[in-house]
Amino acid sequence: MDSLKVVVRQVMAGYAGKGLNGISYLTHNEDETIFTVTDFGRIRGERVSGVSLIVEIVSDLIIIDRDQNDKILLDALLQAGILREQIILAYKGEPVPEPETV
C-alpha cells in the first residue's frame, strides 16, 4: 500500500498550486490514507473555498469520493500505472466495499 500512497500523493500534487483566482493545497491525514485538494480563491471579489478532490486509500483500493476537475483524477491515475480495478468512483455511484470486506 505504501507505493500506492506515493503514486496518489504525486498525482494529486499536480492538482494543487496557484490558479487564476486562487490557490489549491494538497492535504492528507497522518497515515496518508485520506487525501484532499482544498481550494481558496476569489470570484467577483468574494472569497470562496472548497474541496475539489477527496480520495481514500483502503487496502489496495483508491476510493474517489469527490472530483470536480476538468481532467478527472481517474485518467491521471491510469496514466500513472494504477489499474482501473483498483479505482472506485464513489462520486459516480460505483459501490464501495464495506470496511470489513476490504
PDB file of N, CA and C in Angstrom:
ATOM      1  N   MET A   1       0.824  -1.201   0.000  1.00  0.00           N
ATOM      2  CA  MET A   1       0.000   0.000   0.000  1.00  0.00           C
ATOM      3  C   MET A   1       0.860   1.254   0.000  1.00  0.00           C
ATOM      4  N   ASP A   2       2.086   1.178   0.530  1.00  0.00           N
ATOM      5  CA  ASP A   2       2.939   2.368   0.567  1.00  0.00           C
ATOM      6  C   ASP A   2       3.215   2.919  -0.827  1.00  0.00           C
ATOM      7  N   SER A   3       3.451   2.032  -1.802  1.00  0.00           N
ATOM      8  CA  SER A   3       3.703   2.524  -3.162  1.00  0.00           C
ATOM      9  C   SER A   3       2.451   3.169  -3.746  1.00  0.00           C
ATOM     10  N   LEU A   4       1.288   2.663  -3.381  1.00  0.00           N
ATOM     11  CA  LEU A   4       0.031   3.258  -3.826  1.00  0.00           C
ATOM     12  C   LEU A   4      -0.115   4.662  -3.253  1.00  0.00           C
ATOM     13  N   LYS A   5       0.243   4.820  -1.993  1.00  0.00           N
ATOM     14  CA  LYS A   5       0.193   6.148  -1.359  1.00  0.00           C
ATOM     15  C   LYS A   5       1.107   7.133  -2.077  1.00  0.00           C
ATOM     16  N   VAL A   6       2.282   6.676  -2.448  1.00  0.00           N
ATOM     17  CA  VAL A   6       3.247   7.535  -3.129  1.00  0.00           C
ATOM     18  C   VAL A   6       2.684   7.997  -4.471  1.00  0.00           C
ATOM     19  N   VAL A   7       2.115   7.083  -5.227  1.00  0.00           N
ATOM     20  CA  VAL A   7       1.565   7.438  -6.536  1.00  0.00           C
ATOM     21  C   VAL A   7       0.395   8.406  -6.378  1.00  0.00           C
ATOM     22  N   VAL A   8      -0.520   8.116  -5.459  1.00  0.00           N
ATOM     23  CA  VAL A   8      -1.671   9.004  -5.243  1.00  0.00           C
ATOM     24  C   VAL A   8      -1.194  10.390  -4.835  1.00  0.00           C
ATOM     25  N   ARG A   9      -0.242  10.459  -3.909  1.00  0.00           N
ATOM     26  CA  ARG A   9       0.284  11.764  -3.466  1.00  0.00           C
ATOM     27  C   ARG A   9       0.896  12.526  -4.638  1.00  0.00           C
ATOM     28  N   GLN A  10       1.708  11.859  -5.442  1.00  0.00           N
ATOM     29  CA  GLN A  10       2.363  12.516  -6.571  1.00  0.00           C
ATOM     30  C   GLN A  10       1.356  13.001  -7.609  1.00  0.00           C
ATOM     31  N   VAL A  11       0.387  12.161  -7.935  1.00  0.00           N
ATOM     32  CA  VAL A  11      -0.602  12.534  -8.943  1.00  0.00           C
ATOM     33  C   VAL A  11      -1.468  13.685  -8.435  1.00  0.00           C
ATOM     34  N   MET A  12      -1.934  13.584  -7.196  1.00  0.00           N
ATOM     35  CA  MET A  12      -2.803  14.629  -6.659  1.00  0.00           C
ATOM     36  C   MET A  12      -2.062  15.944  -6.461  1.00  0.00           C
ATOM     37  N   ALA A  13      -0.758  15.894  -6.252  1.00  0.00           N
ATOM     38  CA  ALA A  13       0.025  17.134  -6.122  1.00  0.00           C
ATOM     39  C   ALA A  13      -0.078  17.962  -7.394  1.00  0.00           C
ATOM     40  N   GLY A  14      -0.299  17.313  -8.517  1.00  0.00           N
ATOM     41  CA  GLY A  14      -0.468  18.023  -9.783  1.00  0.00           C
ATOM     42  C   GLY A  14      -1.747  18.845  -9.849  1.00  0.00           C
ATOM     43  N   TYR A  15      -2.681  18.600  -8.950  1.00  0.00           N
ATOM     44  CA  TYR A  15      -3.934  19.352  -8.908  1.00  0.00           C
ATOM     45  C   TYR A  15      -3.854  20.532  -7.937  1.00  0.00           C
ATOM     46  N   ALA A  16      -2.752  20.658  -7.242  1.00  0.00           N
ATOM     47  CA  ALA A  16      -2.576  21.738  -6.271  1.00  0.00           C
ATOM     48  C   ALA A  16      -1.654  22.804  -6.857  1.00  0.00           C
ATOM     49  N   GLY A  17      -1.755  24.008  -6.319  1.00  0.00           N
ATOM     50  CA  GLY A  17      -0.885  25.099  -6.750  1.00  0.00           C
ATOM     51  C   GLY A  17      -1.671  26.363  -7.037  1.00  0.00           C
ATOM     52  N   LYS A  18      -0.965  27.353  -7.547  1.00  0.00           N
ATOM     53  CA  LYS A  18      -1.608  28.635  -7.861  1.00  0.00           C
ATOM     54  C   LYS A  18      -2.492  28.495  -9.087  1.00  0.00           C
ATOM     55  N   GLY A  19      -3.648  29.155  -9.011  1.00  0.00           N
ATOM     56  CA  GLY A  19      -4.569  29.177 -10.132  1.00  0.00           C
ATOM     57  C   GLY A  19      -4.832  30.608 -10.555  1.00  0.00           C
ATOM     58  N   LEU A  20      -5.779  30.790 -11.442  1.00  0.00           N
ATOM     59  CA  LEU A  20      -6.105  32.103 -11.967  1.00  0.00           C
ATOM     60  C   LEU A  20      -6.561  33.069 -10.874  1.00  0.00           C
ATOM     61  N   ASN A  21      -7.467  32.618 -10.027  1.00  0.00           N
ATOM     62  CA  ASN A  21      -8.022  33.489  -8.989  1.00  0.00           C
ATOM     63  C   ASN A  21      -7.792  32.956  -7.583  1.00  0.00           C
ATOM     64  N   GLY A  22      -6.828  32.049  -7.412  1.00  0.00           N
ATOM     65  CA  GLY A  22      -6.635  31.498  -6.076  1.00  0.00           C
ATOM     66  C   GLY A  22      -5.509  30.496  -6.006  1.00  0.00           C
ATOM     67  N   ILE A  23      -5.607  29.638  -4.999  1.00  0.00           N
ATOM     68  CA  ILE A  23      -4.581  28.637  -4.757  1.00  0.00           C
ATOM     69  C   ILE A  23      -5.229  27.380  -4.198  1.00  0.00           C
ATOM     70  N   SER A  24      -4.639  26.230  -4.506  1.00  0.00           N
ATOM     71  CA  SER A  24      -5.116  24.937  -4.018  1.00  0.00           C
ATOM     72  C   SER A  24      -3.982  24.234  -3.290  1.00  0.00           C
ATOM     73  N   TYR A  25      -4.349  23.510  -2.224  1.00  0.00           N
ATOM     74  CA  TYR A  25      -3.368  22.803  -1.409  1.00  0.00           C
ATOM     75  C   TYR A  25      -3.704  21.322  -1.344  1.00  0.00           C
ATOM     76  N   LEU A  26      -2.677  20.487  -1.437  1.00  0.00           N
ATOM     77  CA  LEU A  26      -2.836  19.056  -1.209  1.00  0.00           C
ATOM     78  C   LEU A  26      -2.697  18.831   0.291  1.00  0.00           C
ATOM     79  N   THR A  27      -3.671  18.157   0.888  1.00  0.00           N
ATOM     80  CA  THR A  27      -3.614  17.831   2.309  1.00  0.00           C
ATOM     81  C   THR A  27      -3.828  16.331   2.475  1.00  0.00           C
ATOM     82  N   HIS A  28      -3.381  15.799   3.614  1.00  0.00           N
ATOM     83  CA  HIS A  28      -3.584  14.377   3.898  1.00  0.00           C
ATOM     84  C   HIS A  28      -3.565  14.143   5.399  1.00  0.00           C
ATOM     85  N   ASN A  29      -4.121  13.018   5.804  1.00  0.00           N
ATOM     86  CA  ASN A  29      -4.075  12.657   7.216  1.00  0.00           C
ATOM     87  C   ASN A  29      -2.701  12.077   7.536  1.00  0.00           C
ATOM     88  N   GLU A  30      -2.488  11.786   8.804  1.00  0.00           N
ATOM     89  CA  GLU A  30      -1.156  11.373   9.267  1.00  0.00           C
ATOM     90  C   GLU A  30      -0.650  10.099   8.597  1.00  0.00           C
ATOM     91  N   ASP A  31      -1.518   9.118   8.398  1.00  0.00           N
ATOM     92  CA  ASP A  31      -1.056   7.867   7.789  1.00  0.00           C
ATOM     93  C   ASP A  31      -1.234   7.833   6.263  1.00  0.00           C
ATOM     94  N   GLU A  32      -1.559   8.969   5.684  1.00  0.00           N
ATOM     95  CA  GLU A  32      -1.688   9.133   4.239  1.00  0.00           C
ATOM     96  C   GLU A  32      -2.641   8.112   3.616  1.00  0.00           C
ATOM     97  N   THR A  33      -3.813   7.988   4.231  1.00  0.00           N
ATOM     98  CA  THR A  33      -4.865   7.164   3.645  1.00  0.00           C
ATOM     99  C   THR A  33      -6.023   8.026   3.152  1.00  0.00           C
ATOM    100  N   ILE A  34      -6.027   9.296   3.514  1.00  0.00           N
ATOM    101  CA  ILE A  34      -7.035  10.238   3.032  1.00  0.00           C
ATOM    102  C   ILE A  34      -6.307  11.462   2.493  1.00  0.00           C
ATOM    103  N   PHE A  35      -6.627  11.820   1.258  1.00  0.00           N
ATOM    104  CA  PHE A  35      -6.024  12.974   0.596  1.00  0.00           C
ATOM    105  C   PHE A  35      -7.133  13.904   0.119  1.00  0.00           C
ATOM    106  N   THR A  36      -6.883  15.210   0.182  1.00  0.00           N
ATOM    107  CA  THR A  36      -7.824  16.187  -0.368  1.00  0.00           C
ATOM    108  C   THR A  36      -7.047  17.281  -1.082  1.00  0.00           C
ATOM    109  N   VAL A  37      -7.706  17.922  -2.011  1.00  0.00           N
ATOM    110  CA  VAL A  37      -7.199  19.170  -2.584  1.00  0.00           C
ATOM    111  C   VAL A  37      -8.206  20.234  -2.182  1.00  0.00           C
ATOM    112  N   THR A  38      -7.729  21.183  -1.394  1.00  0.00           N
ATOM    113  CA  THR A  38      -8.560  22.250  -0.842  1.00  0.00           C
ATOM    114  C   THR A  38      -8.247  23.534  -1.594  1.00  0.00           C
ATOM    115  N   ASP A  39      -9.301  24.241  -2.010  1.00  0.00           N
ATOM    116  CA  ASP A  39      -9.157  25.406  -2.871  1.00  0.00           C
ATOM    117  C   ASP A  39      -9.612  26.686  -2.161  1.00  0.00           C
ATOM    118  N   PHE A  40      -8.866  27.766  -2.383  1.00  0.00           N
ATOM    119  CA  PHE A  40      -9.208  29.090  -1.862  1.00  0.00           C
ATOM    120  C   PHE A  40      -9.045  30.098  -2.991  1.00  0.00           C
ATOM    121  N   GLY A  41      -9.996  30.996  -3.121  1.00  0.00           N
ATOM    122  CA  GLY A  41      -9.887  31.983  -4.191  1.00  0.00           C
ATOM    123  C   GLY A  41     -10.903  33.094  -4.054  1.00  0.00           C
ATOM    124  N   ARG A  42     -11.035  33.864  -5.131  1.00  0.00           N
ATOM    125  CA  ARG A  42     -11.991  34.965  -5.181  1.00  0.00           C
ATOM    126  C   ARG A  42     -12.777  34.891  -6.482  1.00  0.00           C
ATOM    127  N   ILE A  43     -14.081  35.054  -6.354  1.00  0.00           N
ATOM    128  CA  ILE A  43     -14.967  35.137  -7.512  1.00  0.00           C
ATOM    129  C   ILE A  43     -15.789  36.400  -7.343  1.00  0.00           C
ATOM    130  N   ARG A  44     -15.696  37.306  -8.341  1.00  0.00           N
ATOM    131  CA  ARG A  44     -16.373  38.604  -8.292  1.00  0.00           C
ATOM    132  C   ARG A  44     -16.104  39.325  -6.963  1.00  0.00           C
ATOM    133  N   GLY A  45     -14.858  39.259  -6.512  1.00  0.00           N
ATOM    134  CA  GLY A  45     -14.449  39.962  -5.313  1.00  0.00           C
ATOM    135  C   GLY A  45     -14.780  39.256  -4.009  1.00  0.00           C
ATOM    136  N   GLU A  46     -15.506  38.152  -4.052  1.00  0.00           N
ATOM    137  CA  GLU A  46     -15.880  37.416  -2.842  1.00  0.00           C
ATOM    138  C   GLU A  46     -14.938  36.242  -2.628  1.00  0.00           C
ATOM    139  N   ARG A  47     -14.562  36.020  -1.385  1.00  0.00           N
ATOM    140  CA  ARG A  47     -13.715  34.877  -1.047  1.00  0.00           C
ATOM    141  C   ARG A  47     -14.545  33.596  -1.102  1.00  0.00           C
ATOM    142  N   VAL A  48     -13.988  32.585  -1.757  1.00  0.00           N
ATOM    143  CA  VAL A  48     -14.631  31.277  -1.854  1.00  0.00           C
ATOM    144  C   VAL A  48     -13.631  30.195  -1.461  1.00  0.00           C
ATOM    145  N   SER A  49     -14.136  29.098  -0.969  1.00  0.00           N
ATOM    146  CA  SER A  49     -13.275  27.964  -0.642  1.00  0.00           C
ATOM    147  C   SER A  49     -14.055  26.682  -0.875  1.00  0.00           C
ATOM    148  N   GLY A  50     -13.339  25.615  -1.044  1.00  0.00           N
ATOM    149  CA  GLY A  50     -13.989  24.334  -1.266  1.00  0.00           C
ATOM    150  C   GLY A  50     -12.971  23.219  -1.359  1.00  0.00           C
ATOM    151  N   VAL A  51     -13.478  22.037  -1.559  1.00  0.00           N
ATOM    152  CA  VAL A  51     -12.633  20.855  -1.721  1.00  0.00           C
ATOM    153  C   VAL A  51     -12.965  20.259  -3.083  1.00  0.00           C
ATOM    154  N   SER A  52     -11.979  20.199  -3.966  1.00  0.00           N
ATOM    155  CA  SER A  52     -12.228  19.706  -5.319  1.00  0.00           C
ATOM    156  C   SER A  52     -11.918  18.225  -5.485  1.00  0.00           C
ATOM    157  N   LEU A  53     -11.109  17.653  -4.601  1.00  0.00           N
ATOM    158  CA  LEU A  53     -10.779  16.223  -4.659  1.00  0.00           C
ATOM    159  C   LEU A  53     -10.791  15.637  -3.255  1.00  0.00           C
ATOM    160  N   ILE A  54     -11.422  14.479  -3.113  1.00  0.00           N
ATOM    161  CA  ILE A  54     -11.363  13.712  -1.871  1.00  0.00           C
ATOM    162  C   ILE A  54     -11.099  12.258  -2.253  1.00  0.00           C
ATOM    163  N   VAL A  55     -10.026  11.695  -1.693  1.00  0.00           N
ATOM    164  CA  VAL A  55      -9.618  10.328  -2.016  1.00  0.00           C
ATOM    165  C   VAL A  55      -9.283   9.597  -0.726  1.00  0.00           C
ATOM    166  N   GLU A  56      -9.710   8.331  -0.676  1.00  0.00           N
ATOM    167  CA  GLU A  56      -9.348   7.472   0.448  1.00  0.00           C
ATOM    168  C   GLU A  56      -8.688   6.221  -0.103  1.00  0.00           C
ATOM    169  N   ILE A  57      -7.630   5.780   0.555  1.00  0.00           N
ATOM    170  CA  ILE A  57      -6.972   4.526   0.197  1.00  0.00           C
ATOM    171  C   ILE A  57      -7.331   3.501   1.258  1.00  0.00           C
ATOM    172  N   VAL A  58      -7.916   2.394   0.812  1.00  0.00           N
ATOM    173  CA  VAL A  58      -8.286   1.295   1.702  1.00  0.00           C
ATOM    174  C   VAL A  58      -7.705   0.029   1.101  1.00  0.00           C
ATOM    175  N   SER A  59      -6.791  -0.602   1.831  1.00  0.00           N
ATOM    176  CA  SER A  59      -6.064  -1.769   1.320  1.00  0.00           C
ATOM    177  C   SER A  59      -5.401  -1.405   0.004  1.00  0.00           C
ATOM    178  N   ASP A  60      -5.761  -2.076  -1.081  1.00  0.00           N
ATOM    179  CA  ASP A  60      -5.164  -1.762  -2.382  1.00  0.00           C
ATOM    180  C   ASP A  60      -6.154  -1.043  -3.295  1.00  0.00           C
ATOM    181  N   LEU A  61      -7.147  -0.380  -2.694  1.00  0.00           N
ATOM    182  CA  LEU A  61      -8.156   0.343  -3.463  1.00  0.00           C
ATOM    183  C   LEU A  61      -8.031   1.844  -3.263  1.00  0.00           C
ATOM    184  N   ILE A  62      -8.299   2.580  -4.325  1.00  0.00           N
ATOM    185  CA  ILE A  62      -8.368   4.039  -4.275  1.00  0.00           C
ATOM    186  C   ILE A  62      -9.838   4.404  -4.454  1.00  0.00           C
ATOM    187  N   ILE A  63     -10.409   5.023  -3.431  1.00  0.00           N
ATOM    188  CA  ILE A  63     -11.814   5.413  -3.470  1.00  0.00           C
ATOM    189  C   ILE A  63     -11.868   6.919  -3.685  1.00  0.00           C
ATOM    190  N   ILE A  64     -12.423   7.333  -4.811  1.00  0.00           N
ATOM    191  CA  ILE A  64     -12.535   8.761  -5.114  1.00  0.00           C
ATOM    192  C   ILE A  64     -13.956   9.194  -4.762  1.00  0.00           C
ATOM    193  N   ASP A  65     -14.077   9.983  -3.698  1.00  0.00           N
ATOM    194  CA  ASP A  65     -15.385  10.440  -3.226  1.00  0.00           C
ATOM    195  C   ASP A  65     -15.826  11.738  -3.888  1.00  0.00           C
ATOM    196  N   ARG A  66     -14.881  12.521  -4.353  1.00  0.00           N
ATOM    197  CA  ARG A  66     -15.230  13.797  -4.984  1.00  0.00           C
ATOM    198  C   ARG A  66     -14.152  14.137  -6.005  1.00  0.00           C
ATOM    199  N   ASP A  67     -14.578  14.581  -7.180  1.00  0.00           N
ATOM    200  CA  ASP A  67     -13.649  15.043  -8.205  1.00  0.00           C
ATOM    201  C   ASP A  67     -14.372  16.097  -9.037  1.00  0.00           C
ATOM    202  N   GLN A  68     -13.958  17.333  -8.886  1.00  0.00           N
ATOM    203  CA  GLN A  68     -14.583  18.442  -9.600  1.00  0.00           C
ATOM    204  C   GLN A  68     -13.598  19.120 -10.548  1.00  0.00           C
ATOM    205  N   ASN A  69     -12.802  18.337 -11.226  1.00  0.00           N
ATOM    206  CA  ASN A  69     -11.775  18.867 -12.107  1.00  0.00           C
ATOM    207  C   ASN A  69     -12.085  18.570 -13.561  1.00  0.00           C
ATOM    208  N   ASP A  70     -11.554  19.408 -14.445  1.00  0.00           N
ATOM    209  CA  ASP A  70     -11.711  19.169 -15.878  1.00  0.00           C
ATOM    210  C   ASP A  70     -10.986  17.887 -16.294  1.00  0.00           C
ATOM    211  N   LYS A  71      -9.751  17.730 -15.833  1.00  0.00           N
ATOM    212  CA  LYS A  71      -9.027  16.479 -16.067  1.00  0.00           C
ATOM    213  C   LYS A  71      -9.287  15.605 -14.848  1.00  0.00           C
ATOM    214  N   ILE A  72     -10.141  14.603 -15.024  1.00  0.00           N
ATOM    215  CA  ILE A  72     -10.533  13.808 -13.865  1.00  0.00           C
ATOM    216  C   ILE A  72      -9.351  12.986 -13.346  1.00  0.00           C
ATOM    217  N   LEU A  73      -9.363  12.769 -12.041  1.00  0.00           N
ATOM    218  CA  LEU A  73      -8.285  12.047 -11.379  1.00  0.00           C
ATOM    219  C   LEU A  73      -8.149  10.629 -11.911  1.00  0.00           C
ATOM    220  N   LEU A  74      -9.253  10.000 -12.269  1.00  0.00           N
ATOM    221  CA  LEU A  74      -9.203   8.646 -12.818  1.00  0.00           C
ATOM    222  C   LEU A  74      -8.209   8.574 -13.967  1.00  0.00           C
ATOM    223  N   ASP A  75      -8.305   9.490 -14.917  1.00  0.00           N
ATOM    224  CA  ASP A  75      -7.403   9.480 -16.070  1.00  0.00           C
ATOM    225  C   ASP A  75      -5.949   9.641 -15.655  1.00  0.00           C
ATOM    226  N   ALA A  76      -5.697  10.553 -14.721  1.00  0.00           N
ATOM    227  CA  ALA A  76      -4.321  10.786 -14.262  1.00  0.00           C
ATOM    228  C   ALA A  76      -3.767   9.558 -13.543  1.00  0.00           C
ATOM    229  N   LEU A  77      -4.587   8.878 -12.751  1.00  0.00           N
ATOM    230  CA  LEU A  77      -4.131   7.667 -12.056  1.00  0.00           C
ATOM    231  C   LEU A  77      -3.862   6.542 -13.042  1.00  0.00           C
ATOM    232  N   LEU A  78      -4.710   6.392 -14.042  1.00  0.00           N
ATOM    233  CA  LEU A  78      -4.483   5.369 -15.068  1.00  0.00           C
ATOM    234  C   LEU A  78      -3.180   5.642 -15.812  1.00  0.00           C
ATOM    235  N   GLN A  79      -2.929   6.913 -16.141  1.00  0.00           N
ATOM    236  CA  GLN A  79      -1.681   7.283 -16.819  1.00  0.00           C
ATOM    237  C   GLN A  79      -0.467   7.002 -15.938  1.00  0.00           C
ATOM    238  N   ALA A  80      -0.656   7.038 -14.613  1.00  0.00           N
ATOM    239  CA  ALA A  80       0.440   6.771 -13.680  1.00  0.00           C
ATOM    240  C   ALA A  80       0.639   5.276 -13.434  1.00  0.00           C
ATOM    241  N   GLY A  81      -0.179   4.441 -14.085  1.00  0.00           N
ATOM    242  CA  GLY A  81       0.016   2.998 -13.993  1.00  0.00           C
ATOM    243  C   GLY A  81      -0.888   2.279 -13.004  1.00  0.00           C
ATOM    244  N   ILE A  82      -1.841   2.974 -12.398  1.00  0.00           N
ATOM    245  CA  ILE A  82      -2.780   2.323 -11.492  1.00  0.00           C
ATOM    246  C   ILE A  82      -3.814   1.575 -12.336  1.00  0.00           C
ATOM    247  N   LEU A  83      -4.150   0.365 -11.930  1.00  0.00           N
ATOM    248  CA  LEU A  83      -5.142  -0.430 -12.653  1.00  0.00           C
ATOM    249  C   LEU A  83      -6.543   0.105 -12.384  1.00  0.00           C
ATOM    250  N   ARG A  84      -7.399   0.082 -13.393  1.00  0.00           N
ATOM    251  CA  ARG A  84      -8.779   0.560 -13.241  1.00  0.00           C
ATOM    252  C   ARG A  84      -9.499  -0.222 -12.146  1.00  0.00           C
ATOM    253  N   GLU A  85      -9.176  -1.507 -11.997  1.00  0.00           N
ATOM    254  CA  GLU A  85      -9.815  -2.346 -10.983  1.00  0.00           C
ATOM    255  C   GLU A  85      -9.510  -1.885  -9.562  1.00  0.00           C
ATOM    256  N   GLN A  86      -8.467  -1.067  -9.393  1.00  0.00           N
ATOM    257  CA  GLN A  86      -8.092  -0.561  -8.073  1.00  0.00           C
ATOM    258  C   GLN A  86      -8.759   0.779  -7.749  1.00  0.00           C
ATOM    259  N   ILE A  87      -9.533   1.325  -8.679  1.00  0.00           N
ATOM    260  CA  ILE A  87     -10.103   2.659  -8.508  1.00  0.00           C
ATOM    261  C   ILE A  87     -11.623   2.559  -8.454  1.00  0.00           C
ATOM    262  N   ILE A  88     -12.202   3.129  -7.405  1.00  0.00           N
ATOM    263  CA  ILE A  88     -13.655   3.171  -7.251  1.00  0.00           C
ATOM    264  C   ILE A  88     -14.100   4.623  -7.337  1.00  0.00           C
ATOM    265  N   LEU A  89     -15.001   4.908  -8.258  1.00  0.00           N
ATOM    266  CA  LEU A  89     -15.545   6.259  -8.397  1.00  0.00           C
ATOM    267  C   LEU A  89     -16.830   6.346  -7.570  1.00  0.00           C
ATOM    268  N   ALA A  90     -16.665   6.539  -6.278  1.00  0.00           N
ATOM    269  CA  ALA A  90     -17.811   6.607  -5.370  1.00  0.00           C
ATOM    270  C   ALA A  90     -18.724   7.768  -5.745  1.00  0.00           C
ATOM    271  N   TYR A  91     -18.148   8.871  -6.219  1.00  0.00           N
ATOM    272  CA  TYR A  91     -18.954  10.034  -6.593  1.00  0.00           C
ATOM    273  C   TYR A  91     -19.827   9.765  -7.817  1.00  0.00           C
ATOM    274  N   LYS A  92     -19.521   8.700  -8.548  1.00  0.00           N
ATOM    275  CA  LYS A  92     -20.322   8.303  -9.710  1.00  0.00           C
ATOM    276  C   LYS A  92     -21.266   7.144  -9.368  1.00  0.00           C
ATOM    277  N   GLY A  93     -21.297   6.753  -8.093  1.00  0.00           N
ATOM    278  CA  GLY A  93     -22.196   5.692  -7.668  1.00  0.00           C
ATOM    279  C   GLY A  93     -21.632   4.294  -7.715  1.00  0.00           C
ATOM    280  N   GLU A  94     -20.342   4.147  -8.031  1.00  0.00           N
ATOM    281  CA  GLU A  94     -19.756   2.811  -8.011  1.00  0.00           C
ATOM    282  C   GLU A  94     -19.750   2.303  -6.569  1.00  0.00           C
ATOM    283  N   PRO A  95     -20.076   1.029  -6.361  1.00  0.00           N
ATOM    284  CA  PRO A  95     -20.181   0.508  -4.996  1.00  0.00           C
ATOM    285  C   PRO A  95     -18.834   0.491  -4.277  1.00  0.00           C
ATOM    286  N   VAL A  96     -18.888   0.882  -3.015  1.00  0.00           N
ATOM    287  CA  VAL A  96     -17.707   0.896  -2.152  1.00  0.00           C
ATOM    288  C   VAL A  96     -17.852  -0.269  -1.172  1.00  0.00           C
ATOM    289  N   PRO A  97     -16.874  -1.181  -1.129  1.00  0.00           N
ATOM    290  CA  PRO A  97     -16.982  -2.303  -0.199  1.00  0.00           C
ATOM    291  C   PRO A  97     -17.030  -1.819   1.249  1.00  0.00           C
ATOM    292  N   GLU A  98     -17.736  -2.565   2.065  1.00  0.00           N
ATOM    293  CA  GLU A  98     -17.750  -2.273   3.497  1.00  0.00           C
ATOM    294  C   GLU A  98     -16.339  -2.486   4.040  1.00  0.00           C
ATOM    295  N   PRO A  99     -15.937  -1.704   5.039  1.00  0.00           N
ATOM    296  CA  PRO A  99     -14.557  -1.793   5.553  1.00  0.00           C
ATOM    297  C   PRO A  99     -14.103  -3.197   5.928  1.00  0.00           C
ATOM    298  N   GLU A 100     -14.964  -4.027   6.505  1.00  0.00           N
ATOM    299  CA  GLU A 100     -14.546  -5.360   6.933  1.00  0.00           C
ATOM    300  C   GLU A 100     -14.352  -6.311   5.751  1.00  0.00           C
ATOM    301  N   THR A 101     -14.822  -5.961   4.548  1.00  0.00           N
ATOM    302  CA  THR A 101     -14.666  -6.839   3.396  1.00  0.00           C
ATOM    303  C   THR A 101     -13.480  -6.458   2.533  1.00  0.00           C
ATOM    304  N   VAL A 102     -12.810  -5.382   2.878  1.00  0.00           N
ATOM    305  CA  VAL A 102     -11.695  -4.909   2.051  1.00  0.00           C
ATOM    306  C   VAL A 102     -10.408  -5.527   2.532  1.00  0.00           C
TER     307      VAL A 102
END
